[in-house]
């Protein structure tokens, strides 16, 4: 199984774009840390400060050479499908 411990999805439960990304995560069977912005205001500040935008969904990808903050649901979905396969 491919490790996903380096991924975190910053989202809001009622956001339709976030829901779309979560559906792909579920379909791919991925175990990605979900960070609900309304429940974790400190993480909201981190998203704005480190990611540069106050926008969800955002996939945080912690890599050896640094952290990537990926915005836009379609970009996130494309990354997940290309990296972890397409749902059946």
Protein backbone atom coordinates (compact mmCIF):
# COMPACT_ATOMS: atom_id res chain seq x y z
CA UNK A 1 0.00 0.00 0.00
CA UNK A 2 1.27 3.46 -0.89
CA UNK A 3 1.98 5.77 2.03
CA UNK A 4 -0.10 8.94 2.30
CA UNK A 5 1.12 10.14 5.72
CA UNK A 6 2.65 13.19 4.03
CA UNK A 7 -0.74 14.44 2.75
CA UNK A 8 -3.32 16.65 4.50
CA UNK A 9 -6.53 17.96 2.97
CA UNK A 10 -7.65 21.33 4.31
CA UNK A 11 -11.41 21.50 3.74
CA UNK A 12 -14.85 22.55 4.94
CA UNK A 13 -17.58 19.94 5.34
CA UNK A 14 -20.21 21.94 3.43
CA UNK A 15 -18.00 23.05 0.52
CA UNK A 16 -19.07 21.31 -2.74
CA UNK A 17 -15.54 21.47 -4.18
CA UNK A 18 -14.14 19.91 -1.00
CA UNK A 19 -16.80 17.20 -1.11
CA UNK A 20 -15.76 16.34 -4.66
CA UNK A 21 -12.14 15.87 -3.54
CA UNK A 22 -13.18 13.80 -0.50
CA UNK A 23 -15.24 11.53 -2.77
CA UNK A 24 -12.17 10.81 -4.90
CA UNK A 25 -10.08 10.17 -1.77
CA UNK A 26 -12.71 7.67 -0.61
CA UNK A 27 -12.98 6.04 -4.05
CA UNK A 28 -9.20 5.59 -4.17
CA UNK A 29 -9.21 4.19 -0.62
CA UNK A 30 -6.65 6.73 0.60
CA UNK A 31 -5.95 7.50 4.24
CA UNK A 32 -5.32 11.24 4.11
CA UNK A 33 -5.42 13.52 7.14
CA UNK A 34 -8.53 15.71 6.90
CA UNK A 35 -8.28 19.16 8.47
CA UNK A 36 -11.75 20.72 8.93
CA UNK A 37 -11.26 24.47 8.96
CA UNK A 38 -14.31 25.32 11.08
CA UNK A 39 -13.10 22.97 13.82
CA UNK A 40 -9.43 23.96 13.74
CA UNK A 41 -8.91 27.74 13.54
CA UNK A 42 -5.17 27.39 14.19
CA UNK A 43 -4.88 25.31 11.02
CA UNK A 44 -6.82 28.00 9.11
CA UNK A 45 -4.13 30.50 10.12
CA UNK A 46 -1.42 28.03 9.06
CA UNK A 47 -3.12 27.60 5.68
CA UNK A 48 -3.16 31.38 5.13
CA UNK A 49 0.37 31.96 6.41
CA UNK A 50 2.22 29.00 4.90
CA UNK A 51 0.01 28.25 1.91
CA UNK A 52 -0.48 31.86 0.94
CA UNK A 53 -4.23 31.69 0.31
CA UNK A 54 -7.32 31.45 2.51
CA UNK A 55 -9.04 28.97 0.22
CA UNK A 56 -10.23 25.37 0.41
CA UNK A 57 -9.85 22.71 -0.68
CA UNK A 58 -6.10 22.67 -0.33
CA UNK A 59 -3.91 19.58 -0.37
CA UNK A 60 -0.76 19.97 1.72
CA UNK A 61 2.01 17.74 0.41
CA UNK A 62 5.02 17.44 2.72
CA UNK A 63 8.03 16.42 0.63
CA UNK A 64 11.74 16.06 1.37
CA UNK A 65 12.55 19.36 -0.32
CA UNK A 66 9.66 21.33 1.21
CA UNK A 67 5.91 21.66 1.41
CA UNK A 68 3.60 22.08 -1.57
CA UNK A 69 0.18 23.70 -1.03
CA UNK A 70 -2.05 22.59 -3.90
CA UNK A 71 -5.27 24.56 -4.42
CA UNK A 72 -8.15 23.98 -6.86
CA UNK A 73 -10.23 20.83 -6.61
CA UNK A 74 -9.55 19.69 -10.18
CA UNK A 75 -5.77 20.02 -9.71
CA UNK A 76 -5.97 18.03 -6.46
CA UNK A 77 -8.12 15.33 -8.06
CA UNK A 78 -5.78 15.06 -11.05
CA UNK A 79 -2.75 14.76 -8.72
CA UNK A 80 -4.43 12.05 -6.61
CA UNK A 81 -5.52 10.03 -9.65
CA UNK A 82 -2.13 10.28 -11.36
CA UNK A 83 -0.25 9.44 -8.18
CA UNK A 84 -2.50 6.78 -6.63
CA UNK A 85 -4.56 5.41 -9.53
CA UNK A 86 -8.08 5.85 -10.80
CA UNK A 87 -11.09 4.65 -8.82
CA UNK A 88 -12.94 1.71 -10.31
